[in-house]
Amino acid sequence: MPNSVHNYVQIFNFTLRAHFGPFAGPPRDVATADVPAAHAGRLRTRRYRGPRRPTDRFYPNNYHLLFFWWKRKLSVCISGESTIQLPRAPPRADLLKEAKLRVYGSSLDDYAEYLLETEADGLLRDARYIENKPTVMYVHGYTEHADKESVRTVLSAFMAHGGYNAVFVDWSRAASEFYVIPLLLVPEVGRMVARQLDAWHEAGTLNISNVYLVGHSLGGQVAGFAGKFTTKGKVPRITALDPALPGFSVRSLTSSHITATDAQFVDVIHTDGGTYGVSYATGHADFFPNGGRRLQPGCPPNSRMLSDEDFCSHWRSWRFFAESMNASLPAYYGVACPSHEDFVAGRCDGNQRVVMGFNTPPRYVPEGPGIQKTILKK
């Protein structure tokens, strides 16, 4: 793989679509059904392939990846048409007792960790924390942890930038479980982060207006919930990097998902829409590089499900974001446009341009009525 995803931009005639406007919600409603009492106390996983695509691959969101967790009388179908019966309390909440905040110093090897529930105040007394800097909090996704490439790449970019305290929200113990468990714990992780932000704000040690939340996949959804649950102020900005789709296309599974109301400004980069990432606009500015869906240029086809190759398009979001912080690389620009087809046809050539990634202007407002979508072009 080349060192820079900009190589794919140059080779494959990069285009990037973005939506600007209010979240309209998933395209389809869901039905409801009961959990068979005969299955109480058992854990099962089922998969239905349905009609196959020409690539003969199984796409988890589009073709009914079914998760059945009978022990707590929960039936979940990760698709657009399913039935869910939720437990009164999130499952395995005890896993979140190990959630930590990691603050970094001058390098990825220079850090200190504090339990989120009981030790978080120590982070602000740590010598690595600089009081007069704003703080970025990065939240990882499913199965990820501090040593994953996504975490190291994004946090390295912030450390190279030098303008932020870099804090990693580590909920890897819970995120490593069977998908339904971290999925249902996402709101609680967001609540824990929000509770700590409120406590710091009230104590006068860290103002919420100096916090920037960034998250990938499930972490993007966690960041949204953290923004929802803060009560002492509104987070200025949340950046969601291909926020997770499985489970969040089902209205009754989670109380909500990341939306434009979660922060003063919410920007989203979509790279695997309709598979592992959401394919619809959820923020103030939603960017869709290369159509916002797989296969992203340079990613291999027909990969084994849940392999690194399978996640290639999903992971491209954090690669784009990290590279957007590198001043030596060309910026990604967007053009206001109703659709990808209109952009390809050249009907949006004179429209307003917007930068994607770290330098997206938080105060951006689309020009003119009805401008809700853009195509981005390098």
Protein backbone atom coordinates (compact mmCIF):
# COMPACT_ATOMS: atom_id res chain seq x y z
CA MET A 1 0.00 0.00 0.00
CA PRO A 2 1.36 3.47 -0.83
CA ASN A 3 2.33 5.70 2.08
CA SER A 4 -0.25 8.29 1.17
CA VAL A 5 -3.87 7.88 0.16
CA HIS A 6 -3.30 10.93 -2.01
CA ASN A 7 -1.75 8.45 -4.45
CA TYR A 8 -5.21 6.99 -4.96
CA VAL A 9 -6.57 10.47 -5.58
CA GLN A 10 -4.06 11.08 -8.34
CA ILE A 11 -4.44 7.65 -9.96
CA PHE A 12 -8.18 7.19 -9.75
CA ASN A 13 -9.50 10.71 -10.45
CA PHE A 14 -10.69 11.31 -6.91
CA THR A 15 -14.13 12.75 -6.41
CA LEU A 16 -15.77 13.42 -3.09
CA ARG A 17 -19.41 14.05 -2.38
CA ALA A 18 -20.68 15.90 0.66
CA HIS A 19 -24.11 16.65 2.04
CA PHE A 20 -24.94 19.86 3.83
CA GLY A 21 -28.30 19.98 5.54
CA PRO A 22 -30.39 18.44 8.31
CA PHE A 23 -30.40 14.70 8.91
CA ALA A 24 -33.36 13.12 7.19
CA GLY A 25 -33.09 9.72 8.85
CA PRO A 26 -32.66 6.20 7.53
CA PRO A 27 -34.55 5.44 4.35
CA ARG A 28 -36.79 2.70 5.73
CA ASP A 29 -38.77 1.98 8.86
CA VAL A 30 -38.50 -1.29 10.73
CA ALA A 31 -41.04 -3.85 11.77
CA THR A 32 -41.30 -5.55 15.17
CA ALA A 33 -41.43 -9.15 16.26
CA ASP A 34 -41.21 -11.16 19.46
CA VAL A 35 -38.36 -13.27 20.74
CA PRO A 36 -39.34 -16.95 20.94
CA ALA A 37 -39.53 -17.92 24.60
CA ALA A 38 -38.16 -21.36 23.76
CA HIS A 39 -34.81 -19.80 22.96
CA ALA A 40 -34.40 -17.92 26.26
CA GLY A 41 -30.97 -18.43 27.77
CA ARG A 42 -29.19 -19.27 24.53
CA LEU A 43 -26.80 -17.29 22.39
CA ARG A 44 -26.99 -17.73 18.63
CA THR A 45 -25.66 -16.06 15.52
CA ARG A 46 -27.33 -16.51 12.17
CA ARG A 47 -26.58 -15.19 8.73
CA TYR A 48 -28.86 -14.98 5.73
CA ARG A 49 -27.16 -14.24 2.44
CA GLY A 50 -30.20 -13.30 0.41
CA PRO A 51 -29.73 -12.42 -3.27
CA ARG A 52 -26.04 -12.22 -4.14
CA ARG A 53 -24.19 -9.45 -5.84
CA PRO A 54 -22.07 -10.08 -8.91
CA THR A 55 -18.99 -10.22 -6.67
CA ASP A 56 -20.64 -13.11 -4.76
CA ARG A 57 -19.81 -11.40 -1.47
CA PHE A 58 -21.80 -11.05 1.71
CA TYR A 59 -22.41 -7.47 2.79
CA PRO A 60 -23.46 -7.39 6.44
CA ASN A 61 -25.79 -4.44 6.42
CA ASN A 62 -27.48 -4.85 3.05
CA TYR A 63 -28.19 -8.57 3.22
CA HIS A 64 -29.45 -9.21 6.71
CA LEU A 65 -26.63 -9.95 9.09
CA LEU A 66 -28.64 -11.33 11.98
CA PHE A 67 -27.59 -11.27 15.59
CA PHE A 68 -29.74 -13.09 18.12
CA TRP A 69 -28.91 -12.71 21.77
CA TRP A 70 -31.57 -14.65 23.61
CA LYS A 71 -30.20 -14.62 27.14
CA ARG A 72 -31.49 -11.13 27.86
CA LYS A 73 -34.45 -11.50 25.54
CA LEU A 74 -32.87 -9.43 22.82
CA SER A 75 -33.33 -10.03 19.11
CA VAL A 76 -31.31 -7.83 16.80
CA CYS A 77 -31.15 -7.84 13.02
CA ILE A 78 -28.45 -5.56 11.70
CA SER A 79 -30.25 -4.49 8.58
CA GLY A 80 -32.81 -1.99 7.43
CA GLU A 81 -35.76 -4.30 8.04
CA SER A 82 -35.67 -6.05 11.39
CA THR A 83 -37.10 -6.53 14.86
CA ILE A 84 -35.58 -5.56 18.13
CA GLN A 85 -36.64 -6.14 21.70
CA LEU A 86 -34.32 -4.28 24.04
CA PRO A 87 -33.32 -5.12 27.62
CA ARG A 88 -34.00 -2.53 30.30
CA ALA A 89 -30.28 -2.06 31.01
CA PRO A 90 -27.34 -2.26 28.59
CA PRO A 91 -25.66 -5.68 28.59
CA ARG A 92 -22.26 -6.18 30.21
CA ALA A 93 -22.01 -2.61 31.50
CA ASP A 94 -19.39 -3.96 33.89
CA LEU A 95 -16.98 -4.00 30.94
CA LEU A 96 -16.94 -0.20 30.99
CA LYS A 97 -15.34 -0.12 34.43
CA GLU A 98 -12.09 -0.66 32.56
CA ALA A 99 -12.65 2.32 30.23
CA LYS A 100 -9.67 4.68 30.39
CA LEU A 101 -8.48 8.08 29.26
CA ARG A 102 -4.94 8.14 27.92
CA VAL A 103 -3.16 11.49 27.66
CA TYR A 104 -0.12 11.73 25.41
CA GLY A 105 3.00 13.83 25.71
CA SER A 106 5.51 14.33 22.95
CA SER A 107 5.12 10.89 21.35
CA LEU A 108 2.90 7.82 21.25
CA ASP A 109 5.23 6.14 23.74
CA ASP A 110 4.92 8.99 26.22
CA TYR A 111 1.53 8.65 27.90
CA ALA A 112 -0.36 8.12 31.15
CA GLU A 113 -3.70 6.36 31.68
CA TYR A 114 -6.56 7.14 34.04
CA LEU A 115 -9.73 5.15 34.64
CA LEU A 116 -12.60 7.14 33.17
CA GLU A 117 -14.99 6.53 36.07
CA THR A 118 -12.71 7.07 39.05
CA GLU A 119 -9.39 8.65 38.07
CA ALA A 120 -10.14 11.09 35.24
CA ASP A 121 -9.38 14.19 37.31
CA GLY A 122 -5.77 13.06 37.48
CA LEU A 123 -5.46 13.61 33.73
CA LEU A 124 -5.73 17.38 34.11
CA ARG A 125 -3.00 17.32 36.77
CA ASP A 126 -0.69 15.29 34.55
CA ALA A 127 2.44 17.07 33.32
CA ARG A 128 1.58 16.02 29.76
CA TYR A 129 -1.61 18.07 29.85
CA ILE A 130 -1.08 21.71 28.85
CA GLU A 131 -3.76 23.93 30.33
CA ASN A 132 -3.73 26.65 27.68
CA LYS A 133 -4.26 24.23 24.78
CA PRO A 134 -7.60 22.91 23.50
CA THR A 135 -8.14 19.18 23.96
CA VAL A 136 -8.99 16.61 21.30
CA MET A 137 -10.55 13.34 22.47
CA TYR A 138 -10.33 10.48 19.97
CA VAL A 139 -12.71 7.52 20.32
CA HIS A 140 -11.90 4.20 18.63
CA GLY A 141 -14.25 1.77 16.93
CA TYR A 142 -15.21 -1.89 17.13
CA THR A 143 -12.35 -4.28 18.09
CA GLU A 144 -9.86 -1.42 18.15
CA HIS A 145 -7.43 -0.42 20.91
CA ALA A 146 -4.52 1.95 21.55
CA ASP A 147 -2.07 0.05 19.37
CA LYS A 148 -4.30 -0.11 16.29
CA GLU A 149 -3.10 1.75 13.22
CA SER A 150 -6.19 3.97 13.15
CA VAL A 151 -5.58 5.24 16.68
CA ARG A 152 -1.87 5.76 16.20
CA THR A 153 -2.34 7.47 12.83
CA VAL A 154 -4.93 10.01 13.97
CA LEU A 155 -3.28 10.79 17.30
CA SER A 156 0.13 11.09 15.62
CA ALA A 157 -1.38 13.66 13.27
CA PHE A 158 -2.65 15.72 16.20
CA MET A 159 0.70 15.48 17.99
CA ALA A 160 2.50 16.59 14.83
CA HIS A 161 0.07 19.49 14.57
CA GLY A 162 1.01 20.51 18.11
CA GLY A 163 -2.02 22.62 18.86
CA TYR A 164 -3.99 20.14 21.01
CA ASN A 165 -3.78 18.02 24.10
CA ALA A 166 -4.20 14.53 22.65
CA VAL A 167 -6.49 12.28 24.72
CA PHE A 168 -7.54 8.77 23.73
CA VAL A 169 -10.86 7.35 24.98
CA ASP A 170 -10.08 3.65 25.46
CA TRP A 171 -13.12 1.39 25.81
CA SER A 172 -11.39 -1.53 24.09
CA ARG A 173 -12.40 -4.13 26.68
CA ALA A 174 -16.07 -3.67 25.77
CA ALA A 175 -15.41 -3.02 22.08
CA SER A 176 -13.74 -6.41 21.69
CA GLU A 177 -16.92 -8.34 22.56
CA PHE A 178 -19.53 -9.81 20.19
CA TYR A 179 -20.78 -6.82 18.16
CA VAL A 180 -24.20 -6.48 19.77
CA ILE A 181 -22.66 -5.85 23.18
CA PRO A 182 -20.49 -2.83 22.25
CA LEU A 183 -23.29 -1.62 19.99
CA LEU A 184 -25.67 -1.39 22.93
CA LEU A 185 -22.96 0.10 25.14
CA VAL A 186 -22.25 2.99 22.76
CA PRO A 187 -24.74 5.37 24.46
CA GLU A 188 -23.32 4.52 27.89
CA VAL A 189 -19.74 5.21 26.78
CA GLY A 190 -20.93 8.54 25.41
CA ARG A 191 -22.70 9.24 28.69
CA MET A 192 -19.53 8.51 30.67
CA VAL A 193 -17.51 10.92 28.53
CA ALA A 194 -20.21 13.58 28.78
CA ARG A 195 -20.43 13.17 32.56
CA GLN A 196 -16.70 13.78 32.88
CA LEU A 197 -16.77 16.77 30.54
CA ASP A 198 -19.58 18.29 32.61
CA ALA A 199 -17.66 17.67 35.84
CA TRP A 200 -14.51 19.31 34.48
CA HIS A 201 -16.50 22.24 33.12
CA GLU A 202 -18.32 22.78 36.42
CA ALA A 203 -15.06 22.61 38.36
CA GLY A 204 -13.51 25.17 36.04
CA THR A 205 -10.64 22.85 35.06
CA LEU A 206 -11.59 22.23 31.40
CA ASN A 207 -14.18 24.29 29.59
CA ILE A 208 -16.38 22.31 27.20
CA SER A 209 -15.79 25.03 24.62
CA ASN A 210 -12.16 23.85 24.44
CA VAL A 211 -13.00 20.23 23.59
CA TYR A 212 -12.96 18.64 20.12
CA LEU A 213 -14.39 15.11 19.75
CA VAL A 214 -13.24 12.81 16.94
CA GLY A 215 -14.35 9.19 16.50
CA HIS A 216 -14.15 6.38 13.99
CA SER A 217 -16.93 3.84 13.28
CA LEU A 218 -18.63 3.03 16.61
CA GLY A 219 -16.39 5.71 18.07
CA GLY A 220 -18.05 8.26 15.81
CA GLN A 221 -21.40 7.27 17.28
CA VAL A 222 -19.93 7.44 20.81
CA ALA A 223 -18.78 11.00 20.09
CA GLY A 224 -22.31 11.87 19.02
CA PHE A 225 -23.79 10.52 22.24
CA ALA A 226 -21.18 12.38 24.28
CA GLY A 227 -22.32 15.55 22.57
CA LYS A 228 -25.97 14.73 23.23
CA PHE A 229 -25.47 14.09 26.93
CA THR A 230 -23.40 17.12 27.93
CA THR A 231 -25.48 19.46 30.08
CA LYS A 232 -23.05 22.27 30.94
CA GLY A 233 -22.49 23.43 27.39
CA LYS A 234 -22.34 22.26 23.78
CA VAL A 235 -19.18 20.79 22.32
CA PRO A 236 -17.91 23.12 19.56
CA ARG A 237 -17.09 20.37 17.05
CA ILE A 238 -17.45 16.64 16.45
CA THR A 239 -15.81 14.85 13.52
CA ALA A 240 -17.16 11.37 12.76
CA LEU A 241 -15.03 9.18 10.51
CA ASP A 242 -17.32 6.74 8.68
CA PRO A 243 -19.66 6.36 11.67
CA ALA A 244 -20.93 2.81 12.10
CA LEU A 245 -24.05 1.73 10.24
CA PRO A 246 -24.83 -1.80 11.57
CA GLY A 247 -27.44 -1.27 14.26
CA PHE A 248 -27.86 2.43 13.60
CA SER A 249 -30.15 1.94 10.62
CA VAL A 250 -32.63 0.34 13.05
CA ARG A 251 -34.64 3.02 14.80
CA SER A 252 -35.62 0.94 17.84
CA LEU A 253 -32.14 -0.45 18.53
CA THR A 254 -30.52 2.74 19.78
CA SER A 255 -32.19 5.89 21.02
CA SER A 256 -30.43 7.88 18.32
CA HIS A 257 -27.18 8.25 16.43
CA ILE A 258 -24.87 11.09 15.56
CA THR A 259 -26.74 14.13 14.24
CA ALA A 260 -26.10 17.80 13.55
CA THR A 261 -27.55 18.74 16.94
CA ASP A 262 -24.82 16.93 18.90
CA ALA A 263 -22.32 19.80 18.61
CA GLN A 264 -22.12 23.33 17.32
CA PHE A 265 -20.57 21.85 14.18
CA VAL A 266 -20.62 18.20 13.08
CA ASP A 267 -18.65 17.06 10.05
CA VAL A 268 -18.64 13.49 8.75
CA ILE A 269 -16.44 11.61 6.27
CA HIS A 270 -18.14 8.60 4.66
CA THR A 271 -16.03 5.97 2.87
CA ASP A 272 -17.91 2.67 3.26
CA GLY A 273 -21.53 3.78 3.12
CA GLY A 274 -24.11 1.02 3.15
CA THR A 275 -21.74 -1.62 4.52
CA TYR A 276 -19.83 -0.76 7.70
CA GLY A 277 -20.55 2.99 7.57
CA VAL A 278 -23.70 5.06 7.22
CA SER A 279 -24.55 6.18 3.71
CA TYR A 280 -26.80 9.12 4.58
CA ALA A 281 -26.04 12.64 5.79
CA THR A 282 -25.98 13.00 9.57
CA GLY A 283 -24.09 16.24 10.22
CA HIS A 284 -23.74 19.82 9.07
CA ALA A 285 -21.16 18.75 6.50
CA ASP A 286 -21.00 15.15 5.22
CA PHE A 287 -18.27 14.19 2.75
CA PHE A 288 -18.39 11.14 0.47
CA PRO A 289 -14.98 10.48 -1.15
CA ASN A 290 -15.14 8.33 -4.26
CA GLY A 291 -18.90 8.14 -3.88
CA GLY A 292 -18.61 7.43 -0.15
CA ARG A 293 -18.87 3.68 -0.56
CA ARG A 294 -16.75 0.61 -1.29
CA LEU A 295 -14.66 -0.20 -3.02
CA GLN A 296 -12.44 2.76 -2.33
CA PRO A 297 -9.62 2.99 -4.90
CA GLY A 298 -6.77 0.69 -3.96
CA CYS A 299 -8.90 -1.61 -1.79
CA PRO A 300 -9.04 -5.28 -2.81
CA PRO A 301 -12.33 -6.87 -3.95
CA ASN A 302 -13.78 -10.13 -2.63
CA SER A 303 -12.06 -9.90 0.74
CA ARG A 304 -12.78 -12.23 3.62
CA MET A 305 -15.43 -10.70 5.88
CA LEU A 306 -14.04 -8.76 8.89
CA SER A 307 -10.48 -9.02 7.58
CA ASP A 308 -8.18 -6.00 7.29
CA GLU A 309 -8.77 -6.05 3.55
CA ASP A 310 -12.54 -6.03 4.12
CA PHE A 311 -12.20 -2.96 6.35
CA CYS A 312 -10.03 -1.15 3.80
CA SER A 313 -12.79 1.20 2.58
CA HIS A 314 -14.08 1.74 6.14
CA TRP A 315 -10.59 2.68 7.30
CA ARG A 316 -9.98 5.08 4.46
CA SER A 317 -11.96 7.71 6.39
CA TRP A 318 -9.35 8.12 9.13
CA ARG A 319 -6.57 8.03 6.57
CA PHE A 320 -8.17 10.94 4.71
CA PHE A 321 -8.65 12.85 7.95
CA ALA A 322 -5.09 12.30 9.20
CA GLU A 323 -3.67 13.38 5.85
CA SER A 324 -5.86 16.49 5.86
CA MET A 325 -3.79 17.66 8.85
CA ASN A 326 -0.55 17.40 6.87
CA ALA A 327 0.14 20.83 5.43
CA SER A 328 2.62 19.39 2.91
CA LEU A 329 -0.16 17.44 1.14
CA PRO A 330 -2.81 18.92 -1.18
CA ALA A 331 -6.17 19.69 0.40
CA TYR A 332 -9.43 17.96 -0.54
CA TYR A 333 -12.09 20.38 -1.77
CA GLY A 334 -15.84 20.09 -2.12
CA VAL A 335 -18.25 21.64 -4.55
CA ALA A 336 -21.92 22.17 -3.68
CA CYS A 337 -23.90 19.80 -5.89
CA PRO A 338 -27.20 17.89 -5.68
CA SER A 339 -25.74 14.52 -6.71
CA HIS A 340 -22.69 12.63 -7.88
CA GLU A 341 -24.23 12.32 -11.33
CA ASP A 342 -24.62 16.09 -11.56
CA PHE A 343 -21.01 16.56 -10.58
CA VAL A 344 -19.72 14.09 -13.17
CA ALA A 345 -21.84 15.82 -15.80
CA GLY A 346 -20.20 19.14 -14.91
CA ARG A 347 -23.39 20.82 -13.75
CA CYS A 348 -21.80 22.00 -10.48
CA ASP A 349 -18.49 23.36 -11.73
CA GLY A 350 -19.18 26.92 -10.62
CA ASN A 351 -20.55 26.11 -7.17
CA GLN A 352 -18.94 26.91 -3.84
CA ARG A 353 -15.87 24.91 -2.79
CA VAL A 354 -15.33 23.59 0.75
CA VAL A 355 -12.29 21.92 2.33
CA MET A 356 -12.74 18.39 3.72
CA GLY A 357 -11.14 17.09 6.91
CA PHE A 358 -9.43 18.86 9.78
CA ASN A 359 -9.63 22.25 8.05
CA THR A 360 -13.33 22.13 7.19
CA PRO A 361 -14.55 25.59 8.25
CA PRO A 362 -16.84 25.07 11.27
CA ARG A 363 -18.92 28.12 10.37
CA TYR A 364 -19.63 26.92 6.83
CA VAL A 365 -23.19 27.60 5.67
CA PRO A 366 -24.35 26.40 2.23
CA GLU A 367 -24.98 29.17 -0.26
CA GLY A 368 -28.53 29.56 -1.45
CA PRO A 369 -31.71 27.62 -0.68
CA GLY A 370 -31.81 23.89 -1.24
CA ILE A 371 -28.07 23.31 -1.43
CA GLN A 372 -27.71 20.20 0.71
CA LYS A 373 -25.17 18.09 -1.14
CA THR A 374 -21.72 18.55 -2.57
CA ILE A 375 -19.25 16.62 -4.60
CA LEU A 376 -15.64 16.99 -3.55
CA LYS A 377 -12.88 17.04 -6.09
CA LYS A 378 -9.14 17.30 -5.63
